[in-house]
N, C-alpha and C. Protein backbone atom coordinates (compact mmCIF):
# COMPACT_ATOMS: atom_id res chain seq x y z
N MET A 1 190.06 21.42 87.76
CA MET A 1 189.03 20.74 88.73
C MET A 1 188.49 19.54 88.28
N LEU A 2 188.06 18.55 88.86
CA LEU A 2 187.47 17.45 88.25
C LEU A 2 186.06 17.38 88.74
N TYR A 3 185.25 16.53 88.22
CA TYR A 3 184.09 15.78 88.66
C TYR A 3 184.09 14.73 89.06
N LYS A 4 183.88 14.38 90.27
CA LYS A 4 183.92 12.75 90.57
C LYS A 4 182.55 12.29 91.18
N PHE A 5 181.82 11.69 90.27
CA PHE A 5 180.73 11.06 90.44
C PHE A 5 180.79 9.73 91.62
N LYS A 6 179.90 9.58 92.26
CA LYS A 6 180.01 8.52 93.64
C LYS A 6 178.69 7.98 93.72
N SER A 7 178.61 6.86 93.95
CA SER A 7 177.46 5.95 94.22
C SER A 7 177.69 4.71 95.23
N LYS A 8 176.90 4.20 95.43
CA LYS A 8 177.10 2.71 96.26
C LYS A 8 176.85 1.49 95.27
N SER A 9 176.38 1.84 94.03
CA SER A 9 176.07 0.75 93.03
C SER A 9 177.20 0.60 92.01
N THR A 10 177.91 1.48 91.98
CA THR A 10 179.11 1.52 90.81
C THR A 10 180.52 2.28 91.37
N GLY A 11 181.51 1.95 90.66
CA GLY A 11 182.75 2.54 90.66
C GLY A 11 182.78 4.24 90.49
N ASP A 12 183.48 5.15 90.89
CA ASP A 12 183.66 6.37 90.64
C ASP A 12 183.41 6.50 89.03
N VAL A 13 182.98 7.68 88.45
CA VAL A 13 183.16 8.14 87.31
C VAL A 13 183.49 9.64 87.34
N ILE A 14 184.88 9.78 86.90
CA ILE A 14 185.75 11.00 86.91
C ILE A 14 185.68 11.80 85.56
N MET A 15 185.23 12.90 85.71
CA MET A 15 185.42 13.87 84.64
C MET A 15 185.99 15.35 84.71
N LEU A 16 186.71 15.70 83.53
CA LEU A 16 187.46 16.90 83.97
C LEU A 16 186.16 18.07 83.94
N GLN A 17 186.35 19.03 84.38
CA GLN A 17 185.41 20.37 84.69
C GLN A 17 184.51 20.61 83.30
N PRO A 18 185.06 20.90 82.05
CA PRO A 18 184.27 21.34 80.83
C PRO A 18 183.27 19.87 80.72
N ASN A 19 183.89 18.80 80.70
CA ASN A 19 183.18 17.87 80.08
C ASN A 19 181.90 17.38 81.58
N GLY A 20 182.23 17.70 82.80
CA GLY A 20 181.51 17.19 83.79
C GLY A 20 180.28 18.34 83.85
N GLN A 21 180.69 19.56 83.87
CA GLN A 21 179.88 20.90 83.62
C GLN A 21 179.01 20.50 82.42
N ARG A 22 179.27 20.21 81.24
CA ARG A 22 178.43 19.81 80.31
C ARG A 22 177.37 18.72 80.46
N VAL A 23 177.86 17.78 80.91
CA VAL A 23 176.98 16.68 81.36
C VAL A 23 175.78 17.00 82.29
N LEU A 24 176.42 17.91 83.41
CA LEU A 24 175.53 18.34 84.46
C LEU A 24 174.43 19.31 83.78
N GLU A 25 174.67 20.26 82.91
CA GLU A 25 173.81 21.32 82.29
C GLU A 25 173.01 20.42 81.28
N ILE A 26 173.18 19.49 80.94
CA ILE A 26 172.39 18.63 79.76
C ILE A 26 171.28 18.21 80.84
N ILE A 27 171.47 17.86 81.86
CA ILE A 27 170.54 17.11 82.93
C ILE A 27 169.78 18.01 83.84
N GLY A 28 170.08 19.45 83.52
CA GLY A 28 169.58 20.03 84.33
C GLY A 28 169.83 20.50 85.80
N LYS A 29 171.12 20.02 85.92
CA LYS A 29 171.76 20.46 87.44
C LYS A 29 172.39 21.71 87.60
N ASP A 30 172.40 22.24 89.01
CA ASP A 30 173.31 23.63 88.87
C ASP A 30 174.78 23.27 89.13
N THR A 31 175.46 23.95 88.28
CA THR A 31 176.81 23.55 88.32
C THR A 31 177.69 24.41 88.64
N GLN A 32 177.19 25.62 89.65
CA GLN A 32 177.72 26.69 90.37
C GLN A 32 178.43 26.37 91.93
N THR A 33 177.49 25.28 92.73
CA THR A 33 178.03 24.74 93.65
C THR A 33 178.92 23.96 93.77
N GLY A 34 179.27 23.17 93.01
CA GLY A 34 180.37 22.25 92.92
C GLY A 34 179.84 20.65 93.61
N THR A 35 178.68 20.83 94.07
CA THR A 35 178.38 19.70 94.91
C THR A 35 176.81 19.26 94.16
N GLY A 36 176.21 18.13 94.34
CA GLY A 36 174.78 17.67 94.05
C GLY A 36 174.75 16.20 94.16
N ILE A 37 173.57 16.20 93.97
CA ILE A 37 173.11 14.70 93.80
C ILE A 37 171.99 14.67 92.98
N ILE A 38 171.73 13.20 92.36
CA ILE A 38 170.76 12.95 91.71
C ILE A 38 170.04 11.87 92.29
N LEU A 39 168.61 11.68 92.52
CA LEU A 39 168.11 10.91 93.15
C LEU A 39 167.59 9.99 91.95
N PRO A 40 167.41 8.64 92.35
CA PRO A 40 166.92 7.57 91.66
C PRO A 40 165.66 7.88 90.84
N ASP A 41 164.84 8.73 91.21
CA ASP A 41 163.45 9.24 90.60
C ASP A 41 163.86 10.07 89.49
N GLN A 42 164.97 10.68 89.67
CA GLN A 42 165.23 11.85 88.78
C GLN A 42 166.20 11.24 87.41
N MET A 43 166.55 10.05 87.83
CA MET A 43 167.44 9.16 86.75
C MET A 43 166.96 9.24 85.20
N PRO A 44 165.44 8.54 85.38
CA PRO A 44 165.01 8.33 83.73
C PRO A 44 165.10 9.69 83.00
N ALA A 45 164.87 10.76 83.92
CA ALA A 45 164.76 12.18 82.81
C ALA A 45 166.35 12.54 82.45
N ALA A 46 166.88 12.24 83.67
CA ALA A 46 168.38 12.61 83.12
C ALA A 46 169.28 11.82 82.08
N ILE A 47 168.67 10.59 82.19
CA ILE A 47 169.42 9.58 81.05
C ILE A 47 168.54 9.97 79.81
N ALA A 48 167.41 10.24 79.71
CA ALA A 48 166.55 10.77 78.36
C ALA A 48 167.27 11.93 77.75
N ALA A 49 167.55 12.86 78.79
CA ALA A 49 168.10 13.86 78.39
C ALA A 49 169.15 13.86 77.73
N LEU A 50 170.39 13.26 78.51
CA LEU A 50 171.52 13.18 77.87
C LEU A 50 171.70 12.01 76.66
N GLU A 51 170.45 11.02 76.40
CA GLU A 51 170.49 10.37 74.95
C GLU A 51 169.85 11.36 74.15
N ALA A 52 169.08 12.42 74.27
CA ALA A 52 168.38 13.08 73.40
C ALA A 52 169.85 14.09 73.01
N ALA A 53 170.66 14.81 73.92
CA ALA A 53 171.92 15.60 73.57
C ALA A 53 172.91 14.61 72.58
N ILE A 54 173.16 13.36 72.81
CA ILE A 54 174.01 12.75 72.21
C ILE A 54 173.21 12.46 70.61
N ALA A 55 172.06 12.05 70.59
CA ALA A 55 171.55 12.21 69.19
C ALA A 55 171.42 13.38 68.33
N GLN A 56 171.28 14.39 69.12
CA GLN A 56 171.13 15.88 68.36
C GLN A 56 172.84 15.87 67.86
N GLU A 57 173.84 15.74 68.69
CA GLU A 57 175.20 15.89 68.39
C GLU A 57 175.64 15.07 67.28
N ASP A 58 175.09 13.67 67.43
CA ASP A 58 175.30 12.76 66.14
C ASP A 58 174.70 12.95 64.73
N ALA A 59 173.39 13.81 65.04
CA ALA A 59 172.94 14.41 63.80
C ALA A 59 173.57 15.47 63.18
N ASP A 60 173.96 16.52 64.21
CA ASP A 60 174.58 17.71 63.92
C ASP A 60 175.93 17.37 63.13
N ARG A 61 176.55 16.49 63.63
CA ARG A 61 177.95 15.83 62.91
C ARG A 61 177.61 15.45 61.47
N ALA A 62 176.65 14.81 61.14
CA ALA A 62 176.26 13.82 60.20
C ALA A 62 175.93 15.15 59.10
N ALA A 63 175.05 15.96 59.62
CA ALA A 63 174.48 17.08 58.70
C ALA A 63 175.72 17.99 58.25
N ALA A 64 176.60 18.19 59.03
CA ALA A 64 177.82 19.30 58.94
C ALA A 64 178.69 18.29 57.91
N VAL A 65 178.85 16.69 57.89
CA VAL A 65 179.66 16.14 56.95
C VAL A 65 178.78 16.25 55.44
N ALA A 66 177.76 15.79 55.66
CA ALA A 66 176.69 16.09 54.40
C ALA A 66 176.91 17.03 53.78
N GLU A 67 176.75 18.39 54.37
CA GLU A 67 177.27 19.88 53.56
C GLU A 67 178.39 19.91 53.06
N ALA A 68 179.57 19.57 53.82
CA ALA A 68 180.77 19.69 53.27
C ALA A 68 180.87 18.64 52.29
N GLN A 69 180.46 17.77 52.01
CA GLN A 69 180.41 16.61 50.60
C GLN A 69 179.66 17.57 49.57
N GLY A 70 178.46 18.14 50.22
CA GLY A 70 177.82 18.73 49.29
C GLY A 70 178.50 19.94 48.23
N ARG A 71 179.23 20.32 48.85
CA ARG A 71 180.11 21.87 48.72
C ARG A 71 181.42 21.32 48.34
N LYS A 72 181.74 20.03 48.06
CA LYS A 72 182.97 19.38 47.50
C LYS A 72 184.15 19.80 48.56
N GLU A 73 184.08 20.02 49.78
CA GLU A 73 184.97 20.71 50.52
C GLU A 73 185.44 19.34 51.57
N PRO A 74 186.62 19.31 52.07
CA PRO A 74 186.59 18.33 53.16
C PRO A 74 185.67 18.33 54.52
N PRO A 75 185.83 17.02 55.08
CA PRO A 75 184.91 17.14 56.13
C PRO A 75 185.27 18.24 57.35
N PRO A 76 184.33 18.61 57.92
CA PRO A 76 185.02 19.25 59.35
C PRO A 76 185.55 18.15 60.23
N HIS A 77 186.32 19.29 60.97
CA HIS A 77 186.96 18.54 62.33
C HIS A 77 186.29 18.66 63.44
N PHE A 78 185.88 17.50 64.27
CA PHE A 78 185.42 17.52 65.29
C PHE A 78 186.08 17.16 66.61
N GLU A 79 185.71 17.69 67.89
CA GLU A 79 186.64 16.95 68.55
C GLU A 79 186.83 15.59 68.78
N ALA A 80 187.91 15.35 69.21
CA ALA A 80 188.25 13.68 69.14
C ALA A 80 187.37 12.75 69.92
N VAL A 81 187.00 13.33 70.96
CA VAL A 81 186.10 12.64 71.73
C VAL A 81 184.64 13.03 71.89
N SER A 82 183.67 12.53 71.38
CA SER A 82 182.39 12.70 71.31
C SER A 82 181.56 12.79 72.67
N LEU A 83 180.30 13.25 72.91
CA LEU A 83 179.55 13.38 73.90
C LEU A 83 179.30 11.99 74.33
N ARG A 84 178.96 11.09 73.10
CA ARG A 84 178.52 9.84 73.51
C ARG A 84 179.45 9.24 74.27
N GLN A 85 180.76 9.37 73.67
CA GLN A 85 181.81 8.56 74.18
C GLN A 85 182.05 8.81 75.91
N ARG A 86 182.19 10.45 76.10
CA ARG A 86 182.28 11.04 77.54
C ARG A 86 181.25 10.71 78.41
N ALA A 87 180.04 10.83 77.89
CA ALA A 87 178.63 10.75 78.70
C ALA A 87 178.24 9.06 78.93
N LEU A 88 178.58 8.03 78.10
CA LEU A 88 178.33 6.57 78.29
C LEU A 88 178.34 5.92 79.66
N PRO A 89 179.61 6.25 80.28
CA PRO A 89 180.02 5.64 81.66
C PRO A 89 179.07 6.19 82.75
N PHE A 90 178.69 7.42 82.47
CA PHE A 90 177.84 8.24 83.34
C PHE A 90 176.29 7.64 83.15
N ILE A 91 175.89 7.67 82.00
CA ILE A 91 174.50 6.89 81.46
C ILE A 91 174.49 5.54 82.26
N GLU A 92 175.20 4.73 82.22
CA GLU A 92 175.65 3.30 82.85
C GLU A 92 175.39 3.36 84.06
N MET A 93 176.27 4.15 84.71
CA MET A 93 176.28 4.53 86.30
C MET A 93 174.93 4.70 86.61
N LEU A 94 173.91 5.95 86.13
CA LEU A 94 172.78 6.14 86.49
C LEU A 94 171.57 4.99 86.11
N ARG A 95 171.82 4.42 85.30
CA ARG A 95 171.03 3.19 85.11
C ARG A 95 171.05 2.09 86.06
N ARG A 96 172.34 1.79 86.76
CA ARG A 96 172.58 0.86 87.60
C ARG A 96 171.97 1.31 88.81
N CYS A 97 172.39 2.67 89.35
CA CYS A 97 172.02 3.49 90.26
C CYS A 97 170.47 3.42 90.47
N GLN A 98 169.76 3.87 89.42
CA GLN A 98 168.58 3.78 89.22
C GLN A 98 167.70 2.27 89.61
N LYS A 99 168.27 1.05 88.92
CA LYS A 99 167.81 -0.19 89.42
C LYS A 99 168.00 -0.72 90.79
N ASP A 100 169.01 -0.03 91.35
CA ASP A 100 169.75 -0.38 92.81
C ASP A 100 169.01 0.48 93.78
N GLY A 101 168.54 1.47 93.37
CA GLY A 101 167.72 2.80 94.33
C GLY A 101 168.80 3.66 94.86
N HIS A 102 169.76 3.63 94.46
CA HIS A 102 170.89 4.63 95.13
C HIS A 102 171.03 5.94 94.30
N GLU A 103 171.28 6.90 95.01
CA GLU A 103 171.76 8.25 94.30
C GLU A 103 173.18 8.56 93.82
N VAL A 104 173.24 9.60 93.04
CA VAL A 104 174.72 9.88 92.43
C VAL A 104 175.04 11.00 93.02
N VAL A 105 176.16 11.08 93.74
CA VAL A 105 176.44 12.31 94.28
C VAL A 105 177.75 12.98 93.60
N TRP A 106 178.24 14.17 93.86
CA TRP A 106 179.51 14.82 93.60
C TRP A 106 179.84 15.83 94.51
N GLY A 107 181.08 16.16 94.42
CA GLY A 107 181.62 17.35 95.31
C GLY A 107 181.50 17.06 97.09
N VAL A 108 181.35 15.73 97.41
CA VAL A 108 181.23 15.74 98.79
C VAL A 108 182.46 14.77 98.99
């Protein structure tokens, strides 16, 4: 399954199910229905939640690398694509939609 996020302000943002589901869980949206909407007044909180999750993942990765170096072990392997890379197009979509006053929808 794919998540296809649509708005009147931007092109579509498409994510595979695990990635789209993770993004929606971070911003507190229900992932069980397969459809949803983010209103412009909800976008600042969604952006803040995504940015906080990205910062946490970055910090966790840096701590894991530092810990491995401290034990003189090879650095751990992480997913090839980070949350930052996956969420950045969606964050940009939210920013533009908030500015233009348009909602973001999916599953419709």
